[in-house]
Amino acid sequence: MRKLVSILLTNLILLSCSVTAFAAEVQLDGNTDETQISVYAKAEYSIEGEYTAPVEDGNGSASAGGDTVTVEDAPAGAVQLVVVPIPKTEKDAHSWLAGCLTDYGTPLAAYEVYFLAADGSKISADGAKITVNCPTYSGTLTVCSVTTDGKIAQLSAEISDGKATFTANGEGYYVLAEKKAPDPGTSDPTKPTDPSKPTDPSSPTTGDDTQLTLWIIIAIISGVALIVLLIFYKKRKSKK
């Protein structure tokens, strides 16, 4: 009886291992095909809201929410680029960003950008060069990073031909915003000063273009005449 039970258990274990191995082989083949199609071949998002692309020689490019995000100089060990845009349908998120960027501009698009290593671990985009192709955006653009606790850093960016290029600082989201116009009466530090306009705030333009040279000469003559009269008066008084 014990021998029969042992034989039955042995057969069940072998059958179980065979089924498991067969299932694992089928699943592995499925995952391999799916990975090649959804990530490496098409460079489309494999998880809802995340757009991915392979990184080769430190470079990668992914289409995200209608814009193209390209990276250069990716960190060592990065094999996959991940771009997570904040869609405009997320009104609460965009309202929060607008509140954070009140002094900088109006948010147009925001992305979380990072990399994955071969083992699936997350790698920061700090130091990577990022270019966002955004031909549909008009106005003067600026780029800021915004952390989840509202810390803002305005990044130096090159804006030209519908593209914004900047170096990532590895913090939070990267936001493209329409730059805030300067308040009336204040000068924009990015624009050269007009030499025809006074720059000294203590000397405002009054509209009176009268030459002051004539009045200065008259004042000098009057002063000299007054001094002469005083001397003449003293001499006359001393003689008496």
C-alpha atoms as a PDB file:
ATOM      1  CA  MET A   1       0.000   0.000   0.000  1.00  0.00           C
ATOM      2  CA  ARG A   2       2.761   2.415   0.912  1.00  0.00           C
ATOM      3  CA  LYS A   3       4.571   1.531  -2.281  1.00  0.00           C
ATOM      4  CA  LEU A   4       1.471   2.313  -4.331  1.00  0.00           C
ATOM      5  CA  VAL A   5       0.996   5.676  -2.610  1.00  0.00           C
ATOM      6  CA  SER A   6       4.637   6.536  -3.251  1.00  0.00           C
ATOM      7  CA  ILE A   7       4.295   5.716  -6.937  1.00  0.00           C
ATOM      8  CA  LEU A   8       1.123   7.824  -7.215  1.00  0.00           C
ATOM      9  CA  LEU A   9       2.766  10.792  -5.464  1.00  0.00           C
ATOM     10  CA  THR A  10       5.815  10.497  -7.701  1.00  0.00           C
ATOM     11  CA  ASN A  11       3.675  10.526 -10.838  1.00  0.00           C
ATOM     12  CA  LEU A  12       1.653  13.499  -9.591  1.00  0.00           C
ATOM     13  CA  ILE A  13       4.822  15.482  -8.859  1.00  0.00           C
ATOM     14  CA  LEU A  14       6.304  14.684 -12.263  1.00  0.00           C
ATOM     15  CA  LEU A  15       3.024  15.598 -13.979  1.00  0.00           C
ATOM     16  CA  SER A  16       2.838  18.843 -12.006  1.00  0.00           C
ATOM     17  CA  CYS A  17       6.411  19.772 -12.946  1.00  0.00           C
ATOM     18  CA  SER A  18       5.763  19.015 -16.597  1.00  0.00           C
ATOM     19  CA  VAL A  19       2.646  21.183 -16.692  1.00  0.00           C
ATOM     20  CA  THR A  20       4.397  24.015 -14.840  1.00  0.00           C
ATOM     21  CA  ALA A  21       7.403  23.870 -17.124  1.00  0.00           C
ATOM     22  CA  PHE A  22       5.165  23.831 -20.205  1.00  0.00           C
ATOM     23  CA  ALA A  23       3.144  26.797 -18.903  1.00  0.00           C
ATOM     24  CA  ALA A  24       6.303  28.723 -18.051  1.00  0.00           C
ATOM     25  CA  GLU A  25       7.675  28.089 -21.527  1.00  0.00           C
ATOM     26  CA  VAL A  26       4.490  29.320 -23.177  1.00  0.00           C
ATOM     27  CA  GLN A  27       4.342  32.385 -20.915  1.00  0.00           C
ATOM     28  CA  LEU A  28       7.993  33.183 -21.559  1.00  0.00           C
ATOM     29  CA  ASP A  29       7.473  33.022 -25.301  1.00  0.00           C
ATOM     30  CA  GLY A  30       4.421  35.258 -25.004  1.00  0.00           C
ATOM     31  CA  ASN A  31       6.248  37.838 -22.911  1.00  0.00           C
ATOM     32  CA  THR A  32       9.187  37.867 -25.322  1.00  0.00           C
ATOM     33  CA  ASP A  33       6.978  38.483 -28.334  1.00  0.00           C
ATOM     34  CA  GLU A  34       4.919  41.122 -26.514  1.00  0.00           C
ATOM     35  CA  THR A  35       8.017  42.953 -25.293  1.00  0.00           C
ATOM     36  CA  GLN A  36       9.492  43.110 -28.764  1.00  0.00           C
ATOM     37  CA  ILE A  37       6.244  44.404 -30.265  1.00  0.00           C
ATOM     38  CA  SER A  38       5.005  46.891 -27.663  1.00  0.00           C
ATOM     39  CA  VAL A  39       8.326  48.282 -26.456  1.00  0.00           C
ATOM     40  CA  TYR A  40      11.224  47.714 -28.786  1.00  0.00           C
ATOM     41  CA  ALA A  41       9.538  47.527 -32.178  1.00  0.00           C
ATOM     42  CA  LYS A  42       6.796  50.133 -31.877  1.00  0.00           C
ATOM     43  CA  ALA A  43       8.175  52.196 -28.969  1.00  0.00           C
ATOM     44  CA  GLU A  44       4.641  52.640 -27.648  1.00  0.00           C
ATOM     45  CA  TYR A  45       3.478  52.515 -24.060  1.00  0.00           C
ATOM     46  CA  SER A  46       3.122  49.063 -22.564  1.00  0.00           C
ATOM     47  CA  ILE A  47       1.413  50.323 -19.422  1.00  0.00           C
ATOM     48  CA  GLU A  48      -1.407  52.846 -19.566  1.00  0.00           C
ATOM     49  CA  GLY A  49      -0.006  56.373 -19.289  1.00  0.00           C
ATOM     50  CA  GLU A  50       3.641  55.299 -19.622  1.00  0.00           C
ATOM     51  CA  TYR A  51       5.492  55.661 -22.913  1.00  0.00           C
ATOM     52  CA  THR A  52       8.688  53.650 -23.252  1.00  0.00           C
ATOM     53  CA  ALA A  53      11.530  53.270 -25.719  1.00  0.00           C
ATOM     54  CA  PRO A  54      14.874  51.467 -25.750  1.00  0.00           C
ATOM     55  CA  VAL A  55      18.065  53.356 -24.913  1.00  0.00           C
ATOM     56  CA  GLU A  56      21.013  52.688 -27.197  1.00  0.00           C
ATOM     57  CA  ASP A  57      24.401  54.363 -26.745  1.00  0.00           C
ATOM     58  CA  GLY A  58      22.810  56.747 -24.246  1.00  0.00           C
ATOM     59  CA  ASN A  59      20.092  57.905 -26.657  1.00  0.00           C
ATOM     60  CA  GLY A  60      16.368  57.208 -26.846  1.00  0.00           C
ATOM     61  CA  SER A  61      13.148  58.714 -28.180  1.00  0.00           C
ATOM     62  CA  ALA A  62       9.490  58.161 -27.294  1.00  0.00           C
ATOM     63  CA  SER A  63       6.218  59.700 -28.488  1.00  0.00           C
ATOM     64  CA  ALA A  64       4.208  60.854 -25.488  1.00  0.00           C
ATOM     65  CA  GLY A  65       0.815  62.493 -25.612  1.00  0.00           C
ATOM     66  CA  GLY A  66       1.362  63.909 -29.106  1.00  0.00           C
ATOM     67  CA  ASP A  67       4.845  65.245 -28.351  1.00  0.00           C
ATOM     68  CA  THR A  68       8.170  63.544 -28.963  1.00  0.00           C
ATOM     69  CA  VAL A  69      10.579  63.303 -26.027  1.00  0.00           C
ATOM     70  CA  THR A  70      14.200  62.589 -26.990  1.00  0.00           C
ATOM     71  CA  VAL A  71      17.060  62.006 -24.558  1.00  0.00           C
ATOM     72  CA  GLU A  72      20.814  62.091 -24.948  1.00  0.00           C
ATOM     73  CA  ASP A  73      23.601  61.261 -22.503  1.00  0.00           C
ATOM     74  CA  ALA A  74      21.456  58.853 -20.492  1.00  0.00           C
ATOM     75  CA  PRO A  75      23.026  57.622 -17.213  1.00  0.00           C
ATOM     76  CA  ALA A  76      25.185  54.504 -17.274  1.00  0.00           C
ATOM     77  CA  GLY A  77      23.165  51.312 -17.017  1.00  0.00           C
ATOM     78  CA  ALA A  78      19.983  52.797 -18.538  1.00  0.00           C
ATOM     79  CA  VAL A  79      18.412  50.422 -21.056  1.00  0.00           C
ATOM     80  CA  GLN A  80      14.894  51.837 -21.284  1.00  0.00           C
ATOM     81  CA  LEU A  81      13.437  55.343 -21.382  1.00  0.00           C
ATOM     82  CA  VAL A  82      10.157  55.958 -19.563  1.00  0.00           C
ATOM     83  CA  VAL A  83       8.059  59.080 -20.144  1.00  0.00           C
ATOM     84  CA  VAL A  84       4.896  59.670 -18.104  1.00  0.00           C
ATOM     85  CA  PRO A  85       2.931  62.727 -19.295  1.00  0.00           C
ATOM     86  CA  ILE A  86       0.270  64.434 -17.214  1.00  0.00           C
ATOM     87  CA  PRO A  87      -2.706  64.654 -19.605  1.00  0.00           C
ATOM     88  CA  LYS A  88      -4.828  67.781 -19.641  1.00  0.00           C
ATOM     89  CA  THR A  89      -7.771  65.666 -18.563  1.00  0.00           C
ATOM     90  CA  GLU A  90      -6.097  65.538 -15.143  1.00  0.00           C
ATOM     91  CA  LYS A  91      -7.525  68.922 -14.223  1.00  0.00           C
ATOM     92  CA  ASP A  92      -6.594  68.750 -10.552  1.00  0.00           C
ATOM     93  CA  ALA A  93      -2.947  68.059 -11.388  1.00  0.00           C
ATOM     94  CA  HIS A  94      -2.779  70.891 -13.915  1.00  0.00           C
ATOM     95  CA  SER A  95      -4.502  73.261 -11.493  1.00  0.00           C
ATOM     96  CA  TRP A  96      -1.885  72.382  -8.872  1.00  0.00           C
ATOM     97  CA  LEU A  97       0.927  72.988 -11.377  1.00  0.00           C
ATOM     98  CA  ALA A  98      -0.618  76.312 -12.389  1.00  0.00           C
ATOM     99  CA  GLY A  99      -0.626  77.359  -8.734  1.00  0.00           C
ATOM    100  CA  CYS A 100       3.030  76.380  -8.346  1.00  0.00           C
ATOM    101  CA  LEU A 101       4.096  78.239 -11.499  1.00  0.00           C
ATOM    102  CA  THR A 102       2.171  81.480 -10.882  1.00  0.00           C
ATOM    103  CA  ASP A 103       5.372  83.549 -11.079  1.00  0.00           C
ATOM    104  CA  TYR A 104       6.780  81.664 -14.068  1.00  0.00           C
ATOM    105  CA  GLY A 105       4.038  81.045 -16.610  1.00  0.00           C
ATOM    106  CA  THR A 106       1.058  78.945 -17.667  1.00  0.00           C
ATOM    107  CA  PRO A 107       1.696  75.168 -17.788  1.00  0.00           C
ATOM    108  CA  LEU A 108       1.301  73.645 -21.252  1.00  0.00           C
ATOM    109  CA  ALA A 109       2.696  70.134 -20.755  1.00  0.00           C
ATOM    110  CA  ALA A 110       4.296  68.172 -17.933  1.00  0.00           C
ATOM    111  CA  TYR A 111       6.288  64.939 -17.941  1.00  0.00           C
ATOM    112  CA  GLU A 112       7.973  62.593 -15.526  1.00  0.00           C
ATOM    113  CA  VAL A 113      11.106  61.260 -17.229  1.00  0.00           C
ATOM    114  CA  TYR A 114      13.299  58.470 -15.897  1.00  0.00           C
ATOM    115  CA  PHE A 115      15.116  55.304 -16.994  1.00  0.00           C
ATOM    116  CA  LEU A 116      15.066  51.612 -16.184  1.00  0.00           C
ATOM    117  CA  ALA A 117      18.081  49.393 -15.690  1.00  0.00           C
ATOM    118  CA  ALA A 118      18.307  45.828 -17.027  1.00  0.00           C
ATOM    119  CA  ASP A 119      17.026  44.473 -13.705  1.00  0.00           C
ATOM    120  CA  GLY A 120      14.006  46.814 -13.787  1.00  0.00           C
ATOM    121  CA  SER A 121      15.278  49.259 -11.170  1.00  0.00           C
ATOM    122  CA  LYS A 122      14.567  52.947 -11.634  1.00  0.00           C
ATOM    123  CA  ILE A 123      17.356  55.352 -12.658  1.00  0.00           C
ATOM    124  CA  SER A 124      17.039  59.136 -12.307  1.00  0.00           C
ATOM    125  CA  ALA A 125      17.298  61.317 -15.428  1.00  0.00           C
ATOM    126  CA  ASP A 126      19.660  63.689 -13.611  1.00  0.00           C
ATOM    127  CA  GLY A 127      22.205  65.071 -16.100  1.00  0.00           C
ATOM    128  CA  ALA A 128      20.471  63.714 -19.204  1.00  0.00           C
ATOM    129  CA  LYS A 129      19.837  66.101 -22.090  1.00  0.00           C
ATOM    130  CA  ILE A 130      16.123  66.168 -22.919  1.00  0.00           C
ATOM    131  CA  THR A 131      14.464  67.616 -26.017  1.00  0.00           C
ATOM    132  CA  VAL A 132      10.692  67.974 -26.276  1.00  0.00           C
ATOM    133  CA  ASN A 133       9.356  68.513 -29.785  1.00  0.00           C
ATOM    134  CA  CYS A 134       6.275  70.699 -29.272  1.00  0.00           C
ATOM    135  CA  PRO A 135       5.428  72.451 -32.571  1.00  0.00           C
ATOM    136  CA  THR A 136       1.838  73.125 -31.496  1.00  0.00           C
ATOM    137  CA  TYR A 137       2.861  75.375 -28.598  1.00  0.00           C
ATOM    138  CA  SER A 138       3.035  79.102 -29.252  1.00  0.00           C
ATOM    139  CA  GLY A 139       4.338  82.045 -27.287  1.00  0.00           C
ATOM    140  CA  THR A 140       7.563  82.286 -25.321  1.00  0.00           C
ATOM    141  CA  LEU A 141       8.321  78.990 -23.582  1.00  0.00           C
ATOM    142  CA  THR A 142      10.132  78.339 -20.331  1.00  0.00           C
ATOM    143  CA  VAL A 143      11.036  75.041 -18.649  1.00  0.00           C
ATOM    144  CA  CYS A 144      10.771  74.309 -14.923  1.00  0.00           C
ATOM    145  CA  SER A 145      11.119  71.259 -12.719  1.00  0.00           C
ATOM    146  CA  VAL A 146       8.472  70.823 -10.026  1.00  0.00           C
ATOM    147  CA  THR A 147       8.798  68.345  -7.160  1.00  0.00           C
ATOM    148  CA  THR A 148       5.799  66.675  -5.524  1.00  0.00           C
ATOM    149  CA  ASP A 149       6.091  69.084  -2.590  1.00  0.00           C
ATOM    150  CA  GLY A 150       5.979  72.149  -4.875  1.00  0.00           C
ATOM    151  CA  LYS A 151       9.676  72.984  -5.045  1.00  0.00           C
ATOM    152  CA  ILE A 152      10.377  74.806  -8.335  1.00  0.00           C
ATOM    153  CA  ALA A 153      13.589  75.226 -10.311  1.00  0.00           C
ATOM    154  CA  GLN A 154      13.674  77.192 -13.568  1.00  0.00           C
ATOM    155  CA  LEU A 155      15.951  75.328 -15.970  1.00  0.00           C
ATOM    156  CA  SER A 156      18.143  76.875 -18.608  1.00  0.00           C
ATOM    157  CA  ALA A 157      16.585  75.849 -21.916  1.00  0.00           C
ATOM    158  CA  GLU A 158      17.187  76.380 -25.600  1.00  0.00           C
ATOM    159  CA  ILE A 159      13.895  77.120 -27.352  1.00  0.00           C
ATOM    160  CA  SER A 160      13.857  77.085 -31.145  1.00  0.00           C
ATOM    161  CA  ASP A 161      11.853  75.678 -34.074  1.00  0.00           C
ATOM    162  CA  GLY A 162       9.155  74.251 -31.839  1.00  0.00           C
ATOM    163  CA  LYS A 163      11.663  72.400 -29.646  1.00  0.00           C
ATOM    164  CA  ALA A 164      12.703  72.860 -26.034  1.00  0.00           C
ATOM    165  CA  THR A 165      16.080  71.404 -25.008  1.00  0.00           C
ATOM    166  CA  PHE A 166      17.263  71.339 -21.397  1.00  0.00           C
ATOM    167  CA  THR A 167      19.346  69.313 -18.944  1.00  0.00           C
ATOM    168  CA  ALA A 168      17.350  67.325 -16.395  1.00  0.00           C
ATOM    169  CA  ASN A 169      18.038  67.854 -12.698  1.00  0.00           C
ATOM    170  CA  GLY A 170      16.405  64.585 -11.650  1.00  0.00           C
ATOM    171  CA  GLU A 171      13.646  66.203  -9.597  1.00  0.00           C
ATOM    172  CA  GLY A 172       9.904  65.609 -10.028  1.00  0.00           C
ATOM    173  CA  TYR A 173       8.155  66.660 -13.207  1.00  0.00           C
ATOM    174  CA  TYR A 174       9.483  68.719 -16.097  1.00  0.00           C
ATOM    175  CA  VAL A 175       6.981  71.373 -17.122  1.00  0.00           C
ATOM    176  CA  LEU A 176       6.842  73.384 -20.334  1.00  0.00           C
ATOM    177  CA  ALA A 177       5.061  76.658 -19.674  1.00  0.00           C
ATOM    178  CA  GLU A 178       4.162  79.764 -21.618  1.00  0.00           C
ATOM    179  CA  LYS A 179       6.389  82.389 -20.078  1.00  0.00           C
ATOM    180  CA  LYS A 180       4.656  85.041 -17.992  1.00  0.00           C
ATOM    181  CA  ALA A 181       4.701  88.509 -19.555  1.00  0.00           C
ATOM    182  CA  PRO A 182       6.457  91.195 -17.459  1.00  0.00           C
ATOM    183  CA  ASP A 183       4.234  93.556 -15.500  1.00  0.00           C
ATOM    184  CA  PRO A 184       3.599  96.982 -17.089  1.00  0.00           C
ATOM    185  CA  GLY A 185       6.302  99.467 -16.145  1.00  0.00           C
ATOM    186  CA  THR A 186       8.930  96.816 -15.511  1.00  0.00           C
ATOM    187  CA  SER A 187      11.633  95.774 -17.896  1.00  0.00           C
ATOM    188  CA  ASP A 188      12.180  92.246 -19.089  1.00  0.00           C
ATOM    189  CA  PRO A 189      15.757  91.259 -18.124  1.00  0.00           C
ATOM    190  CA  THR A 190      15.965  89.068 -21.239  1.00  0.00           C
ATOM    191  CA  LYS A 191      15.550  92.099 -23.531  1.00  0.00           C
ATOM    192  CA  PRO A 192      18.206  94.782 -24.178  1.00  0.00           C
ATOM    193  CA  THR A 193      17.660  98.217 -22.701  1.00  0.00           C
ATOM    194  CA  ASP A 194      16.527 100.951 -25.086  1.00  0.00           C
ATOM    195  CA  PRO A 195      19.292 103.629 -24.929  1.00  0.00           C
ATOM    196  CA  SER A 196      16.811 106.333 -25.946  1.00  0.00           C
ATOM    197  CA  LYS A 197      14.884 105.881 -22.674  1.00  0.00           C
ATOM    198  CA  PRO A 198      16.111 106.945 -19.237  1.00  0.00           C
ATOM    199  CA  THR A 199      17.178 104.097 -16.952  1.00  0.00           C
ATOM    200  CA  ASP A 200      17.527 106.152 -13.753  1.00  0.00           C
ATOM    201  CA  PRO A 201      14.236 105.824 -11.834  1.00  0.00           C
ATOM    202  CA  SER A 202      15.009 109.072  -9.961  1.00  0.00           C
ATOM    203  CA  SER A 203      14.935 111.019 -13.236  1.00  0.00           C
ATOM    204  CA  PRO A 204      11.585 110.307 -14.891  1.00  0.00           C
ATOM    205  CA  THR A 205      10.719 111.819 -18.252  1.00  0.00           C
ATOM    206  CA  THR A 206       8.535 114.919 -17.765  1.00  0.00           C
ATOM    207  CA  GLY A 207       7.924 115.930 -21.381  1.00  0.00           C
ATOM    208  CA  ASP A 208       9.720 119.309 -20.883  1.00  0.00           C
ATOM    209  CA  ASP A 209      12.513 119.471 -23.453  1.00  0.00           C
ATOM    210  CA  THR A 210      13.635 123.047 -22.526  1.00  0.00           C
ATOM    211  CA  GLN A 211      17.421 123.517 -22.600  1.00  0.00           C
ATOM    212  CA  LEU A 212      18.839 124.181 -19.134  1.00  0.00           C
ATOM    213  CA  THR A 213      22.129 125.692 -20.368  1.00  0.00           C
ATOM    214  CA  LEU A 214      20.675 129.195 -20.751  1.00  0.00           C
ATOM    215  CA  TRP A 215      19.242 129.202 -17.247  1.00  0.00           C
ATOM    216  CA  ILE A 216      22.527 128.009 -15.784  1.00  0.00           C
ATOM    217  CA  ILE A 217      24.428 130.884 -17.502  1.00  0.00           C
ATOM    218  CA  ILE A 218      21.881 133.419 -16.226  1.00  0.00           C
ATOM    219  CA  ALA A 219      22.247 132.051 -12.699  1.00  0.00           C
ATOM    220  CA  ILE A 220      26.059 132.341 -12.852  1.00  0.00           C
ATOM    221  CA  ILE A 221      25.898 135.926 -14.162  1.00  0.00           C
ATOM    222  CA  SER A 222      23.419 136.851 -11.450  1.00  0.00           C
ATOM    223  CA  GLY A 223      25.678 135.371  -8.776  1.00  0.00           C
ATOM    224  CA  VAL A 224      28.739 137.250 -10.049  1.00  0.00           C
ATOM    225  CA  ALA A 225      26.759 140.518 -10.220  1.00  0.00           C
ATOM    226  CA  LEU A 226      25.565 140.019  -6.641  1.00  0.00           C
ATOM    227  CA  ILE A 227      29.137 139.477  -5.416  1.00  0.00           C
ATOM    228  CA  VAL A 228      30.337 142.643  -7.238  1.00  0.00           C
ATOM    229  CA  LEU A 229      27.541 144.689  -5.694  1.00  0.00           C
ATOM    230  CA  LEU A 230      28.405 143.410  -2.221  1.00  0.00           C
ATOM    231  CA  ILE A 231      32.090 144.358  -2.647  1.00  0.00           C
ATOM    232  CA  PHE A 232      31.170 147.809  -3.976  1.00  0.00           C
ATOM    233  CA  TYR A 233      28.796 148.339  -1.075  1.00  0.00           C
ATOM    234  CA  LYS A 234      31.464 147.439   1.522  1.00  0.00           C
ATOM    235  CA  LYS A 235      34.054 149.742  -0.016  1.00  0.00           C
ATOM    236  CA  ARG A 236      31.633 152.650  -0.121  1.00  0.00           C
ATOM    237  CA  LYS A 237      30.633 152.068   3.486  1.00  0.00           C
ATOM    238  CA  SER A 238      34.274 151.987   4.643  1.00  0.00           C
ATOM    239  CA  LYS A 239      34.996 155.369   3.018  1.00  0.00           C
ATOM    240  CA  LYS A 240      32.185 157.021   4.930  1.00  0.00           C
END
